[in-house]
Protein backbone atom coordinates (compact mmCIF):
# COMPACT_ATOMS: atom_id res chain seq x y z
CA UNK A 1 7.43 21.39 -3.34
CA UNK A 2 9.88 19.58 -1.08
CA UNK A 3 11.97 16.72 -2.41
CA UNK A 4 13.53 13.61 -0.93
CA UNK A 5 16.19 11.62 -2.76
CA UNK A 6 16.03 8.10 -4.12
CA UNK A 7 18.78 5.54 -3.72
CA UNK A 8 20.97 7.22 -6.31
CA UNK A 9 20.48 10.80 -5.18
CA UNK A 10 17.72 11.68 -7.63
CA UNK A 11 15.25 14.18 -6.11
CA UNK A 12 11.69 12.85 -5.92
CA UNK A 13 8.75 15.07 -4.99
CA UNK A 14 7.51 14.38 -1.47
CA UNK A 15 4.02 14.13 -2.98
CA UNK A 16 3.44 11.50 -5.65
CA UNK A 17 0.39 11.47 -7.91
CA UNK A 18 -1.46 8.17 -7.49
CA UNK A 19 -3.23 7.46 -10.77
CA UNK A 20 -5.58 4.71 -9.58
CA UNK A 21 -8.41 7.09 -8.71
CA UNK A 22 -8.60 9.45 -11.68
CA UNK A 23 -11.93 11.29 -11.88
CA UNK A 24 -14.44 9.32 -13.95
CA UNK A 25 -17.54 10.12 -15.93
CA UNK A 26 -19.93 7.39 -17.00
CA UNK A 27 -17.42 4.78 -15.88
CA UNK A 28 -14.61 6.09 -18.09
CA UNK A 29 -11.74 8.31 -17.00
CA UNK A 30 -12.63 11.97 -17.40
CA UNK A 31 -9.60 12.96 -19.47
CA UNK A 32 -10.26 16.67 -19.14
CA UNK A 33 -10.24 16.60 -15.36
CA UNK A 34 -7.35 14.13 -15.16
CA UNK A 35 -5.22 16.25 -17.50
CA UNK A 36 -5.99 19.45 -15.61
CA UNK A 37 -5.05 17.87 -12.29
CA UNK A 38 -1.86 16.24 -13.60
CA UNK A 39 -0.73 19.54 -15.11
CA UNK A 40 -1.52 21.38 -11.87
CA UNK A 41 0.55 18.85 -9.95
CA UNK A 42 3.41 19.03 -12.46
CA UNK A 43 3.47 22.83 -12.41
CA UNK A 44 3.64 22.70 -8.61
CA UNK A 45 6.69 20.42 -8.75
CA UNK A 46 5.23 16.89 -8.52
CA UNK A 47 7.50 14.62 -10.55
CA UNK A 48 6.41 11.09 -9.49
CA UNK A 49 3.34 9.49 -11.14
CA UNK A 50 2.23 6.03 -10.04
CA UNK A 51 0.00 3.68 -12.02
CA UNK A 52 -0.39 -0.08 -12.61
CA UNK A 53 -1.41 -2.59 -15.26
CA UNK A 54 -4.70 -3.42 -13.54
CA UNK A 55 -5.88 0.15 -12.85
CA UNK A 56 -8.64 0.44 -15.51
CA UNK A 57 -7.53 2.86 -18.22
CA UNK A 58 -4.92 4.47 -15.98
CA UNK A 59 -1.72 3.64 -17.88
CA UNK A 60 -3.25 4.68 -21.19
CA UNK A 61 -4.59 7.94 -19.77
CA UNK A 62 -1.31 8.86 -18.11
CA UNK A 63 0.65 8.02 -21.25
CA UNK A 64 -1.62 10.12 -23.44
CA UNK A 65 -1.55 13.14 -21.11
CA UNK A 66 2.22 13.12 -20.70
CA UNK A 67 2.75 12.64 -24.45
CA UNK A 68 0.33 15.39 -25.47
CA UNK A 69 1.99 17.88 -23.14
CA UNK A 70 5.59 16.89 -23.87
CA UNK A 71 6.22 15.83 -20.27
CA UNK A 72 7.43 12.24 -20.57
CA UNK A 73 11.11 13.01 -20.02
CA UNK A 74 10.35 15.60 -17.36
CA UNK A 75 8.66 13.25 -14.88
CA UNK A 76 9.13 9.79 -13.41
CA UNK A 77 6.65 7.04 -14.23
CA UNK A 78 6.10 4.20 -11.78
CA UNK A 79 4.06 1.22 -12.88
CA UNK A 80 3.73 -2.39 -11.87
CA UNK A 81 4.02 -5.92 -13.23
CA UNK A 82 0.86 -7.93 -12.39
CA UNK A 83 2.85 -10.80 -10.87
CA UNK A 84 -0.33 -12.54 -9.64
CA UNK A 85 -1.37 -13.03 -13.29
CA UNK A 86 1.90 -14.61 -14.37
CA UNK A 87 2.37 -18.37 -14.52
CA UNK A 88 4.81 -18.71 -17.41
CA UNK A 89 8.00 -16.83 -18.24
CA UNK A 90 6.92 -15.31 -21.59
CA UNK A 91 4.06 -13.47 -19.87
CA UNK A 92 6.54 -11.19 -18.09
CA UNK A 93 7.81 -9.66 -21.32
CA UNK A 94 4.35 -9.63 -22.87
CA UNK A 95 2.86 -7.55 -20.05
CA UNK A 96 5.86 -5.22 -20.00
CA UNK A 97 5.65 -4.49 -23.72
CA UNK A 98 1.93 -3.82 -23.42
CA UNK A 99 2.62 -1.35 -20.63
CA UNK A 100 5.25 0.49 -22.67
CA UNK A 101 2.72 0.82 -25.48
CA UNK A 102 -0.01 2.08 -23.16
CA UNK A 103 2.34 4.62 -21.58
CA UNK A 104 3.80 5.75 -24.94
CA UNK A 105 7.36 5.29 -23.76
CA UNK A 106 10.33 3.00 -24.23
CA UNK A 107 11.41 2.95 -20.60
CA UNK A 108 9.96 2.88 -17.08
CA UNK A 109 11.62 4.89 -14.33
CA UNK A 110 10.32 2.89 -11.36
CA UNK A 111 9.01 -0.62 -12.02
CA UNK A 112 7.43 -2.71 -9.28
CA UNK A 113 6.41 -6.30 -8.69
CA UNK A 114 2.77 -5.52 -7.86
CA UNK A 115 1.01 -6.47 -4.64
CA UNK A 116 3.40 -8.98 -3.13
CA UNK A 117 1.73 -10.51 -0.07
CA UNK A 118 3.91 -13.56 0.47
CA UNK A 119 7.59 -14.37 0.01
CA UNK A 120 6.49 -17.42 -1.96
CA UNK A 121 5.26 -15.12 -4.74
CA UNK A 122 8.74 -13.70 -5.20
CA UNK A 123 10.16 -17.22 -5.13
CA UNK A 124 7.76 -18.18 -7.92
CA UNK A 125 8.90 -15.23 -10.02
CA UNK A 126 12.53 -16.17 -9.44
CA UNK A 127 11.79 -19.68 -10.70
CA UNK A 128 10.38 -18.07 -13.86
CA UNK A 129 13.62 -16.16 -14.44
CA UNK A 130 12.58 -12.72 -13.21
CA UNK A 131 16.04 -11.83 -11.90
CA UNK A 132 17.66 -12.43 -15.29
CA UNK A 133 14.84 -10.53 -17.00
CA UNK A 134 15.28 -7.54 -14.67
CA UNK A 135 19.04 -7.54 -15.26
CA UNK A 136 18.56 -7.42 -19.03
CA UNK A 137 16.03 -4.59 -18.81
CA UNK A 138 18.21 -2.51 -16.52
CA UNK A 139 21.22 -3.06 -18.76
CA UNK A 140 19.25 -1.88 -21.82
CA UNK A 141 17.80 1.09 -19.94
CA UNK A 142 14.21 -0.09 -20.34
CA UNK A 143 13.90 -0.14 -16.53
CA UNK A 144 15.76 2.41 -14.43
CA UNK A 145 14.79 1.25 -10.91
CA UNK A 146 13.25 -2.01 -9.71
CA UNK A 147 11.07 -2.44 -6.63
CA UNK A 148 8.01 -4.12 -5.19
CA UNK A 149 4.71 -3.05 -3.65
CA UNK A 150 3.64 -4.97 -0.59
CA UNK A 151 0.41 -6.00 1.17
CA UNK A 152 1.37 -8.77 3.59
CA UNK A 153 2.62 -8.95 7.15
CA UNK A 154 5.89 -7.62 8.54
CA UNK A 155 7.67 -10.98 8.58
CA UNK A 156 6.93 -11.61 4.91
CA UNK A 157 7.96 -8.06 4.02
CA UNK A 158 11.35 -8.48 5.66
CA UNK A 159 11.93 -11.74 3.77
CA UNK A 160 11.18 -10.10 0.44
CA UNK A 161 13.22 -7.03 1.35
CA UNK A 162 16.29 -9.13 2.14
CA UNK A 163 15.98 -11.44 -0.87
CA UNK A 164 17.12 -9.05 -3.62
CA UNK A 165 19.04 -5.82 -4.20
CA UNK A 166 15.96 -3.61 -4.56
CA UNK A 167 16.15 0.02 -5.63
CA UNK A 168 12.96 0.99 -3.78
CA UNK A 169 9.77 -0.43 -2.29
CA UNK A 170 6.17 0.64 -1.75
CA UNK A 171 4.10 -0.10 1.36
CA UNK A 172 0.70 0.70 2.81
CA UNK A 173 1.41 2.89 5.82
CA UNK A 174 -0.54 5.42 7.85
CA UNK A 175 -1.18 6.16 11.51
CA UNK A 176 -3.58 3.20 11.74
CA UNK A 177 -1.19 0.77 10.03
CA UNK A 178 1.83 1.59 12.16
CA UNK A 179 2.09 -1.99 13.48
CA UNK A 180 0.34 -3.87 10.67
CA UNK A 181 1.32 -4.87 7.13
CA UNK A 182 4.98 -3.84 6.65
CA UNK A 183 4.46 -1.28 9.40
CA UNK A 184 7.00 0.98 11.05
CA UNK A 185 9.32 -2.00 11.46
CA UNK A 186 9.35 -2.58 7.70
CA UNK A 187 9.75 1.13 6.96
CA UNK A 188 12.78 1.40 9.22
CA UNK A 189 14.30 -1.85 7.95
CA UNK A 190 14.14 -0.60 4.35
CA UNK A 191 15.59 2.78 5.30
CA UNK A 192 18.41 1.06 7.20
CA UNK A 193 19.37 -0.69 3.94
CA UNK A 194 19.27 2.62 2.07
CA UNK A 195 16.13 1.62 0.18
CA UNK A 196 13.67 4.48 -0.47
CA UNK A 197 10.09 3.84 0.65
CA UNK A 198 7.05 5.03 -1.28
CA UNK A 199 3.87 5.20 0.78
CA UNK A 200 0.48 4.12 -0.56
CA UNK A 201 -2.90 4.42 1.18
CA UNK A 202 -1.67 7.25 3.44
CA UNK A 203 -5.29 8.05 4.24
CA UNK A 204 -6.70 4.53 3.93
CA UNK A 205 -8.40 5.33 0.64
CA UNK A 206 -10.02 8.41 2.16
CA UNK A 207 -11.27 6.61 5.27
CA UNK A 208 -9.06 8.80 7.48
CA UNK A 209 -10.79 11.82 6.01
CA UNK A 210 -14.38 10.89 5.28
CA UNK A 211 -15.13 8.17 7.84
CA UNK A 212 -13.69 9.54 11.07
CA UNK A 213 -15.88 9.12 14.18
CA UNK A 214 -17.15 12.25 15.91
CA UNK A 215 -14.59 12.03 18.71
CA UNK A 216 -11.75 11.99 16.18
CA UNK A 217 -13.11 15.03 14.38
CA UNK A 218 -13.49 16.81 17.69
CA UNK A 219 -9.83 16.16 18.57
CA UNK A 220 -8.72 17.57 15.22
CA UNK A 221 -10.97 20.62 15.50
CA UNK A 222 -9.64 21.36 18.99
CA UNK A 223 -6.03 21.64 17.80
CA UNK A 224 -4.74 25.16 17.13
CA UNK A 225 -2.88 23.83 14.08
CA UNK A 226 -5.94 24.22 11.90
CA UNK A 227 -4.98 21.24 9.74
CA UNK A 228 -7.61 19.19 7.94
CA UNK A 229 -7.95 15.43 8.57
CA UNK A 230 -6.00 14.85 5.33
CA UNK A 231 -3.33 17.28 6.45
CA UNK A 232 -2.86 15.45 9.73
CA UNK A 233 -2.49 12.08 8.01
CA UNK A 234 0.02 13.33 5.45
CA UNK A 235 2.04 15.39 7.92
CA UNK A 236 2.33 12.41 10.27
CA UNK A 237 4.07 10.62 7.40
CA UNK A 238 6.24 13.53 6.32
CA UNK A 239 7.43 13.86 9.91
CA UNK A 240 9.32 10.58 9.44
CA UNK A 241 12.70 10.79 7.65
CA UNK A 242 12.38 7.21 6.39
CA UNK A 243 9.46 8.18 4.14
CA UNK A 244 10.52 9.17 0.62
CA UNK A 245 7.33 9.74 -1.40
CA UNK A 246 3.72 9.80 -0.24
CA UNK A 247 1.23 8.84 -2.95
CA UNK A 248 -2.20 10.40 -3.07
CA UNK A 249 -4.95 9.23 -5.39
CA UNK A 250 -6.07 12.73 -6.28
CA UNK A 251 -9.21 13.23 -8.36
CA UNK A 252 -10.39 16.76 -7.58
CA UNK A 253 -8.83 20.20 -7.97
CA UNK A 254 -9.30 20.85 -4.26
CA UNK A 255 -7.49 17.65 -3.31
CA UNK A 256 -4.55 18.48 -5.57
CA UNK A 257 -4.27 22.00 -4.20
CA UNK A 258 -4.48 20.96 -0.54
CA UNK A 259 -2.01 18.10 -0.84
CA UNK A 260 0.47 20.30 -2.69
CA UNK A 261 0.27 22.89 0.09
CA UNK A 262 0.85 20.21 2.71
CA UNK A 263 3.78 18.61 0.86
CA UNK A 264 5.34 22.03 0.28
CA UNK A 265 5.63 23.02 3.92
CA UNK A 266 5.61 19.77 5.95
CA UNK A 267 9.01 18.96 7.39
CA UNK A 268 10.73 16.01 8.99
CA UNK A 269 10.75 16.09 12.77
CA UNK A 270 8.29 18.99 12.98
CA UNK A 271 5.71 17.23 15.14
CA UNK A 272 5.41 18.39 18.74
CA UNK A 273 4.20 16.35 21.71
CA UNK A 274 0.85 18.08 21.30
CA UNK A 275 0.68 16.96 17.67
CA UNK A 276 1.37 13.35 18.58
CA UNK A 277 -1.32 13.64 21.26
CA UNK A 278 -3.85 14.63 18.59
CA UNK A 279 -2.91 11.63 16.47
CA UNK A 280 -3.23 9.39 19.53
CA UNK A 281 -6.67 10.81 20.26
CA UNK A 282 -7.81 10.26 16.68
CA UNK A 283 -6.38 6.75 16.60
CA UNK A 284 -8.03 5.87 19.91
CA UNK A 285 -11.37 7.21 18.73
CA UNK A 286 -11.18 5.00 15.66
CA UNK A 287 -10.06 1.99 17.67
CA UNK A 288 -12.96 2.44 20.09
CA UNK A 289 -15.10 0.84 17.38
CA UNK A 290 -12.94 -2.29 17.39
CA UNK A 291 -14.26 -5.74 18.13
CA UNK A 292 -10.94 -7.07 19.46
CA UNK A 293 -8.39 -5.07 21.46
CA UNK A 294 -5.42 -6.50 19.58
CA UNK A 295 -2.41 -4.18 19.37
CA UNK A 296 -0.57 -6.26 16.76
CA UNK A 297 2.33 -6.97 19.13
CA UNK A 298 2.56 -10.57 17.76
CA UNK A 299 3.42 -12.14 21.13
CA UNK A 300 0.82 -14.77 20.20
CA UNK A 301 2.85 -15.80 17.16
CA UNK A 302 3.86 -18.10 15.64
CA UNK A 303 0.70 -20.18 15.75
CA UNK A 304 1.45 -23.94 15.56
CA UNK A 305 -1.32 -24.26 12.96
CA UNK A 306 -0.18 -21.30 10.88
CA UNK A 307 -3.08 -18.96 11.73
CA UNK A 308 -2.27 -15.27 11.21
CA UNK A 309 -3.88 -14.21 14.48
CA UNK A 310 -3.06 -10.46 14.39
CA UNK A 311 -3.96 -10.35 10.70
CA UNK A 312 -7.39 -11.86 11.32
CA UNK A 313 -8.13 -9.47 14.19
CA UNK A 314 -6.90 -6.40 12.29
CA UNK A 315 -9.21 -7.17 9.37
CA UNK A 316 -12.12 -8.02 11.69
CA UNK A 317 -11.69 -4.64 13.36
CA UNK A 318 -11.45 -2.92 9.98
CA UNK A 319 -14.92 -4.22 9.14
CA UNK A 320 -16.30 -1.92 11.82
CA UNK A 321 -13.78 0.93 11.75
CA UNK A 322 -13.96 1.24 7.93
CA UNK A 323 -16.58 -1.01 6.33
CA UNK A 324 -17.40 -4.69 5.99
CA UNK A 325 -16.16 -4.66 2.42
CA UNK A 326 -12.90 -2.97 3.41
CA UNK A 327 -12.18 -5.46 6.19
CA UNK A 328 -12.85 -8.45 3.98
CA UNK A 329 -10.77 -7.02 1.17
CA UNK A 330 -7.85 -6.47 3.55
CA UNK A 331 -8.25 -10.05 4.75
CA UNK A 332 -8.06 -11.27 1.16
CA UNK A 333 -4.87 -9.26 0.57
CA UNK A 334 -2.96 -10.11 3.71
CA UNK A 335 -4.22 -13.51 4.84
CA UNK A 336 -6.20 -15.31 2.17
CA UNK A 337 -3.83 -14.94 -0.77
CA UNK A 338 -0.74 -16.43 0.83
CA UNK A 339 0.56 -19.73 -0.46
CA UNK A 340 0.34 -21.35 2.96
CA UNK A 341 -3.21 -20.79 4.28
CA UNK A 342 -3.47 -18.74 7.47
CA UNK A 343 -7.22 -18.89 8.06
CA UNK A 344 -8.70 -18.45 11.53
CA UNK A 345 -10.60 -21.70 10.93
CA UNK A 346 -7.30 -23.60 11.18
CA UNK A 347 -7.27 -22.97 14.93
CA UNK A 348 -7.50 -26.25 16.91
CA UNK A 349 -7.98 -24.53 20.26
CA UNK A 350 -4.63 -25.43 21.81
CA UNK A 351 -4.57 -22.14 23.74
CA UNK A 352 -0.84 -21.52 23.35
CA UNK A 353 -1.51 -18.04 21.98
CA UNK A 354 -3.61 -16.97 24.95
CA UNK A 355 -0.79 -17.72 27.39
CA UNK A 356 1.35 -15.06 25.71
CA UNK A 357 -1.22 -12.35 24.96
CA UNK A 358 -0.43 -9.19 27.00
CA UNK A 359 -4.00 -7.96 26.46
CA UNK A 360 -5.61 -11.09 27.89
CA UNK A 361 -7.72 -11.55 24.74
CA UNK A 362 -9.79 -14.78 24.58
CA UNK A 363 -8.15 -15.47 21.23
CA UNK A 364 -9.79 -18.82 20.49
CA UNK A 365 -13.28 -17.41 20.92
CA UNK A 366 -12.52 -14.22 19.01
CA UNK A 367 -10.97 -16.12 16.11
CA UNK A 368 -14.23 -17.98 15.60
CA UNK A 369 -16.13 -14.70 15.58
CA UNK A 370 -13.64 -13.16 13.17
CA UNK A 371 -13.78 -16.10 10.80
CA UNK A 372 -17.59 -16.02 10.64
CA UNK A 373 -17.55 -12.29 9.91
CA UNK A 374 -14.67 -12.28 7.44
CA UNK A 375 -15.65 -15.40 5.48
CA UNK A 376 -19.40 -15.70 4.98
CA UNK A 377 -20.39 -18.43 2.55
CA UNK A 378 -20.17 -16.38 -0.70
CA UNK A 379 -16.68 -15.22 0.28
CA UNK A 380 -15.58 -18.77 1.09
CA UNK A 381 -16.61 -19.88 -2.38
CA UNK A 382 -14.83 -16.94 -3.98
CA UNK A 383 -11.72 -17.54 -1.90
CA UNK A 384 -11.57 -21.20 -2.91
CA UNK A 385 -11.82 -20.29 -6.60
CA UNK A 386 -9.21 -17.52 -6.32
CA UNK A 387 -6.74 -19.73 -4.48
CA UNK A 388 -7.18 -22.53 -6.98
CA UNK A 389 -6.33 -20.12 -9.79
CA UNK A 390 -3.43 -18.33 -8.09
CA UNK A 391 -1.68 -21.39 -6.73
CA UNK A 392 -2.36 -23.88 -9.45
CA UNK A 393 0.63 -25.94 -10.46
CA UNK A 394 2.19 -25.50 -13.85
CA UNK A 395 1.66 -28.38 -16.22
């Protein structure tokens, strides 16, 4: 196993075990399989295990497995505060204590503010005293490192990144998300500040393995490297020195074994021009299914009405490159659940964006199409209810 260091020089395994997708049987976590896979990863040198409060049964399962095998002090646990569920200060401590109990520990190595999509969410937490709470936990040793996981756009990521002295951060990043969400710009900005970056969704939840179009599979098969689709996705990440840990939601013995092999021999800067050409071919094959040829350059921004134009198009495209559910879920994460609405329906047709689009996209027309696809009536109702709950004012 190769290792990359955190902010304080502590070696972290290049491969992190994502505990959201433990194998399940009858709806419950299959403890036998989960334990076998965690032990296999540990014995191969994996020392970073990522879970969260809202992953069903995950914290409890991880805590039990580590406790039963005497591994708690030999690995690093990363888990997350469900900030979207917090509206009053006492809830912060209540959730944290519940997590300690689930994980059978009295400290967390890497603690994150979970699923930040908007700088306003961090501002809300600050108003509830989160900075003072973090300081007290770090002083007592209950939290070793503090960070945040992010699912918004690049601009919002940079605001959150610059707003606090973070120890690390976690972003969705892969060869399809190079210019979306935090993107390469966010990755490099964090690295420039000396902040380690943990990567989630390196394979888009398996979409870059199981849902590749025929042309993409053909490009991979034609390469003399002999790497699998998963290997290409992970190695593309490991090629970048700014990447610290790559999480994989492993739930089969084969997946654990393959990812360990990849993480053990992949090196920074090892990609050749031919390798990048394969990634380009795969990316282009996926993008050929797109509805809008948006590159995410953001020349159309800012929109006078606050519409997240690239965000809407990225999610619209994802409906056809991945699945309708996936595209709509991404839209909910990155556009819908921001304090200031950024819906495509806010467009008033001023045309300012189209004057600056290098691709010549008929943005006004395409925004209407995207909005109809991303927000059918049942989703609009659900969105209205979710926003009312998330952004309700404290009494």
